[in-house]
Amino acid sequence: MEIRQLIDHTYLKPVGTRKEIDALIGEAVEHRFKSVCIQPCFVAYAKAKLERTGVLVCTVIGFPLGANTTETKVFETLNAVANGADEIDMVINIGELKAGNLDYVRSEIDSVVKAASGRLVKVIIETCYLTKDEIVAASDIVGRTGATFVKTSTGFGPAGATPEDVRLMKANARGKEVKAAGGVRTREDLDKMVDAGATRIGTSNGVALVQNGQGSGY
């Protein structure tokens, strides 16, 4: 797959305005990225701007902590779909996972997948907070749901994706795809994630990665 089509071109900073979203959209269209990944409040605006461009609109649910109730995440998802979201990146309840409440985590993912009404769902497990065994358990849970991807990180934790975690997720997600996000700053970083099994990359560095192979940020 062409590198451009691996990239979810991302802007999730809390200080973002339509000025930043316009810039993100312009770059995504120019470079033919797979999607823009943005906060829910910009979904309807971005959807209208991206009509007939081929660039998808991805948004985040339960972001960035994952500690919302399931009912809140379901409402967020329904609202995002109504506003035109093509893809949903949801954050699991990390505390429930670490407490061993795996049925809760699976049920919550299933609820968001149902609310997404056929839209592609990526499940963020926030690997920087998890042990290796917890990464395995979380990946296996995602593999048992209707989600399409298991995703490493929000980009708001103390660390982002690593090739080792991507490899572990890929091996245990029952055939689901893996999205690597957080800290993919160079072409070398991207290549390592792809070699480890990632088929989507979340980054704000998309332009730099396709132009000169290096960038900075999420």
Protein backbone atom coordinates (compact mmCIF):
# COMPACT_ATOMS: atom_id res chain seq x y z
CA MET A 1 0.00 0.00 0.00
CA GLU A 2 1.18 3.52 -0.79
CA ILE A 3 2.50 5.32 2.30
CA ARG A 4 0.01 8.17 1.91
CA GLN A 5 -2.88 5.77 2.32
CA LEU A 6 -1.49 4.47 5.62
CA ILE A 7 -1.76 7.88 7.27
CA ASP A 8 -4.52 9.25 9.47
CA HIS A 9 -3.47 12.92 9.38
CA THR A 10 -4.06 14.00 12.95
CA TYR A 11 -4.81 17.16 14.90
CA LEU A 12 -6.17 16.57 18.41
CA LYS A 13 -4.69 19.41 20.44
CA PRO A 14 -7.20 21.08 22.80
CA VAL A 15 -6.25 24.55 21.51
CA GLY A 16 -7.21 23.79 17.92
CA THR A 17 -9.48 26.12 15.96
CA ARG A 18 -10.95 25.93 12.47
CA LYS A 19 -7.74 27.54 11.25
CA GLU A 20 -5.76 24.45 12.24
CA ILE A 21 -8.44 22.13 10.93
CA ASP A 22 -8.50 23.95 7.59
CA ALA A 23 -4.73 23.51 7.33
CA LEU A 24 -5.02 19.82 8.21
CA ILE A 25 -7.76 19.30 5.61
CA GLY A 26 -5.76 21.12 2.93
CA GLU A 27 -2.71 18.96 3.59
CA ALA A 28 -4.75 15.76 3.63
CA VAL A 29 -6.33 16.56 0.27
CA GLU A 30 -3.04 17.68 -1.29
CA HIS A 31 -1.19 14.57 -0.19
CA ARG A 32 -4.10 12.13 -0.54
CA PHE A 33 -3.95 10.83 3.02
CA LYS A 34 -6.38 8.15 4.14
CA SER A 35 -8.18 10.37 6.65
CA VAL A 36 -8.08 13.35 8.94
CA CYS A 37 -8.36 12.43 12.62
CA ILE A 38 -9.96 15.26 14.58
CA GLN A 39 -11.95 16.10 17.70
CA PRO A 40 -15.73 15.42 17.49
CA CYS A 41 -16.64 19.12 17.47
CA PHE A 42 -15.07 19.48 14.00
CA VAL A 43 -16.61 16.41 12.34
CA ALA A 44 -19.52 18.08 10.55
CA TYR A 45 -17.30 20.95 9.40
CA ALA A 46 -14.61 18.62 8.08
CA LYS A 47 -17.13 16.33 6.40
CA ALA A 48 -18.53 19.23 4.39
CA LYS A 49 -15.05 20.43 3.44
CA LEU A 50 -13.91 16.97 2.36
CA GLU A 51 -16.91 16.06 0.23
CA ARG A 52 -15.87 14.31 -2.99
CA THR A 53 -12.15 14.43 -2.08
CA GLY A 54 -11.75 10.78 -1.11
CA VAL A 55 -10.32 11.73 2.30
CA LEU A 56 -12.20 10.15 5.21
CA VAL A 57 -13.21 11.81 8.47
CA CYS A 58 -12.05 9.99 11.61
CA THR A 59 -12.90 11.14 15.11
CA VAL A 60 -12.16 10.09 18.69
CA ILE A 61 -14.52 8.73 21.35
CA GLY A 62 -13.92 8.69 25.11
CA PHE A 63 -10.80 10.68 24.41
CA PRO A 64 -8.15 10.82 25.79
CA LEU A 65 -8.64 8.97 29.10
CA GLY A 66 -11.26 6.35 28.22
CA ALA A 67 -12.94 6.81 31.61
CA ASN A 68 -16.35 7.94 30.32
CA THR A 69 -19.30 5.65 30.92
CA THR A 70 -20.27 3.26 28.15
CA GLU A 71 -23.49 5.21 27.67
CA THR A 72 -21.49 8.40 27.11
CA LYS A 73 -19.25 6.71 24.55
CA VAL A 74 -22.30 5.34 22.74
CA PHE A 75 -23.87 8.80 22.59
CA GLU A 76 -20.61 10.31 21.34
CA THR A 77 -20.45 7.67 18.63
CA LEU A 78 -24.06 8.17 17.53
CA ASN A 79 -23.48 11.91 17.39
CA ALA A 80 -20.26 11.51 15.42
CA VAL A 81 -21.99 9.25 12.90
CA ALA A 82 -24.87 11.72 12.57
CA ASN A 83 -22.33 14.47 11.87
CA GLY A 84 -20.67 12.42 9.12
CA ALA A 85 -17.79 10.52 10.72
CA ASP A 86 -16.47 7.70 8.54
CA GLU A 87 -14.24 6.11 11.18
CA ILE A 88 -14.28 5.94 14.98
CA ASP A 89 -11.21 5.72 17.25
CA MET A 90 -12.42 4.83 20.76
CA VAL A 91 -10.43 4.62 24.00
CA ILE A 92 -11.12 1.62 26.21
CA ASN A 93 -11.68 1.95 29.94
CA ILE A 94 -8.06 1.34 30.92
CA GLY A 95 -8.82 0.94 34.63
CA GLU A 96 -11.38 -1.79 33.97
CA LEU A 97 -8.85 -3.64 31.82
CA LYS A 98 -6.16 -3.42 34.49
CA ALA A 99 -8.67 -4.61 37.10
CA GLY A 100 -9.27 -7.71 35.01
CA ASN A 101 -12.86 -6.80 34.12
CA LEU A 102 -12.47 -8.10 30.57
CA ASP A 103 -16.19 -8.70 29.98
CA TYR A 104 -16.81 -5.00 30.68
CA VAL A 105 -14.16 -3.95 28.17
CA ARG A 106 -15.51 -6.28 25.51
CA SER A 107 -19.10 -5.19 26.10
CA GLU A 108 -18.15 -1.53 25.83
CA ILE A 109 -16.35 -2.09 22.53
CA ASP A 110 -19.34 -4.05 21.21
CA SER A 111 -21.65 -1.18 22.22
CA VAL A 112 -19.56 1.39 20.35
CA VAL A 113 -19.28 -0.87 17.29
CA LYS A 114 -23.06 -1.21 17.25
CA ALA A 115 -23.51 2.57 17.56
CA ALA A 116 -21.04 3.08 14.70
CA SER A 117 -23.54 1.39 12.35
CA GLY A 118 -20.98 -0.25 10.09
CA ARG A 119 -18.33 2.47 10.27
CA LEU A 120 -14.81 1.24 10.85
CA VAL A 121 -13.88 1.22 14.56
CA LYS A 122 -10.34 1.37 15.94
CA VAL A 123 -9.87 0.53 19.63
CA ILE A 124 -7.19 2.47 21.52
CA ILE A 125 -5.69 0.43 24.36
CA GLU A 126 -3.03 2.98 25.45
CA THR A 127 -0.08 0.60 25.57
CA CYS A 128 2.15 2.88 27.67
CA TYR A 129 -0.01 2.10 30.73
CA LEU A 130 -0.16 -1.66 30.16
CA THR A 131 2.04 -4.63 30.95
CA LYS A 132 2.87 -7.05 28.16
CA ASP A 133 0.26 -9.47 29.50
CA GLU A 134 -2.33 -6.68 29.53
CA ILE A 135 -1.48 -5.76 25.92
CA VAL A 136 -2.04 -9.40 24.98
CA ALA A 137 -5.35 -9.50 26.85
CA ALA A 138 -6.56 -6.20 25.37
CA SER A 139 -5.61 -7.26 21.84
CA ASP A 140 -7.40 -10.57 22.27
CA ILE A 141 -10.54 -8.78 23.48
CA VAL A 142 -10.54 -6.50 20.44
CA GLY A 143 -10.11 -9.59 18.30
CA ARG A 144 -13.35 -10.99 19.72
CA THR A 145 -15.39 -7.90 18.77
CA GLY A 146 -16.62 -6.32 15.57
CA ALA A 147 -13.93 -3.65 15.66
CA THR A 148 -11.50 -3.55 12.72
CA PHE A 149 -8.33 -2.22 14.38
CA VAL A 150 -6.55 -2.29 17.70
CA LYS A 151 -4.63 0.98 18.16
CA THR A 152 -1.62 1.63 20.36
CA SER A 153 -2.05 5.10 21.80
CA THR A 154 -3.89 8.39 22.15
CA GLY A 155 -0.71 10.44 21.88
CA PHE A 156 -1.60 12.02 25.24
CA GLY A 157 0.05 9.39 27.44
CA PRO A 158 3.69 9.41 28.56
CA ALA A 159 4.74 7.29 25.56
CA GLY A 160 3.45 6.27 22.16
CA ALA A 161 3.78 3.32 19.82
CA THR A 162 6.73 0.94 19.75
CA PRO A 163 7.40 -1.75 17.15
CA GLU A 164 7.52 -4.33 19.93
CA ASP A 165 4.02 -3.45 21.10
CA VAL A 166 2.69 -3.39 17.54
CA ARG A 167 4.14 -6.85 16.96
CA LEU A 168 2.58 -8.15 20.18
CA MET A 169 -0.80 -6.65 19.29
CA LYS A 170 -0.72 -8.08 15.79
CA ALA A 171 0.10 -11.55 17.10
CA ASN A 172 -2.78 -11.57 19.58
CA ALA A 173 -5.62 -9.63 17.92
CA ARG A 174 -7.16 -12.60 16.09
CA GLY A 175 -6.55 -11.18 12.64
CA LYS A 176 -7.54 -7.59 13.40
CA GLU A 177 -5.43 -4.78 11.95
CA VAL A 178 -3.12 -2.58 14.03
CA LYS A 179 -2.87 1.22 14.05
CA ALA A 180 0.35 2.71 15.44
CA ALA A 181 0.05 6.23 16.85
CA GLY A 182 2.18 8.53 18.95
CA GLY A 183 5.83 9.21 18.25
CA VAL A 184 5.96 8.29 14.56
CA ARG A 185 8.25 11.15 13.56
CA THR A 186 10.53 9.78 10.85
CA ARG A 187 10.28 7.53 7.84
CA GLU A 188 12.40 5.05 9.77
CA ASP A 189 9.81 5.09 12.59
CA LEU A 190 7.03 4.49 10.07
CA ASP A 191 8.88 1.68 8.34
CA LYS A 192 9.50 -0.06 11.67
CA MET A 193 5.81 0.12 12.56
CA VAL A 194 4.78 -1.26 9.18
CA ASP A 195 7.38 -4.03 9.39
CA ALA A 196 5.97 -4.93 12.81
CA GLY A 197 2.47 -5.26 11.36
CA ALA A 198 0.81 -1.82 11.43
CA THR A 199 -1.50 -1.05 8.51
CA ARG A 200 -2.48 2.44 9.64
CA ILE A 201 -0.36 5.23 11.14
CA GLY A 202 -1.74 8.06 13.27
CA THR A 203 0.50 11.11 13.03
CA SER A 204 0.58 14.88 12.70
CA ASN A 205 3.80 14.45 10.72
CA GLY A 206 2.25 13.11 7.55
CA VAL A 207 3.42 15.92 5.29
CA ALA A 208 7.01 15.72 6.48
CA LEU A 209 6.99 11.93 6.24
CA VAL A 210 5.97 11.94 2.58
CA GLN A 211 8.15 14.93 1.65
CA ASN A 212 11.46 14.46 3.43
CA GLY A 213 10.98 11.57 5.79
CA GLN A 214 11.08 13.46 9.07
CA GLY A 215 8.78 15.51 11.29
CA SER A 216 7.95 16.33 14.91
CA GLY A 217 4.95 16.02 17.17
CA TYR A 218 2.12 13.48 17.65
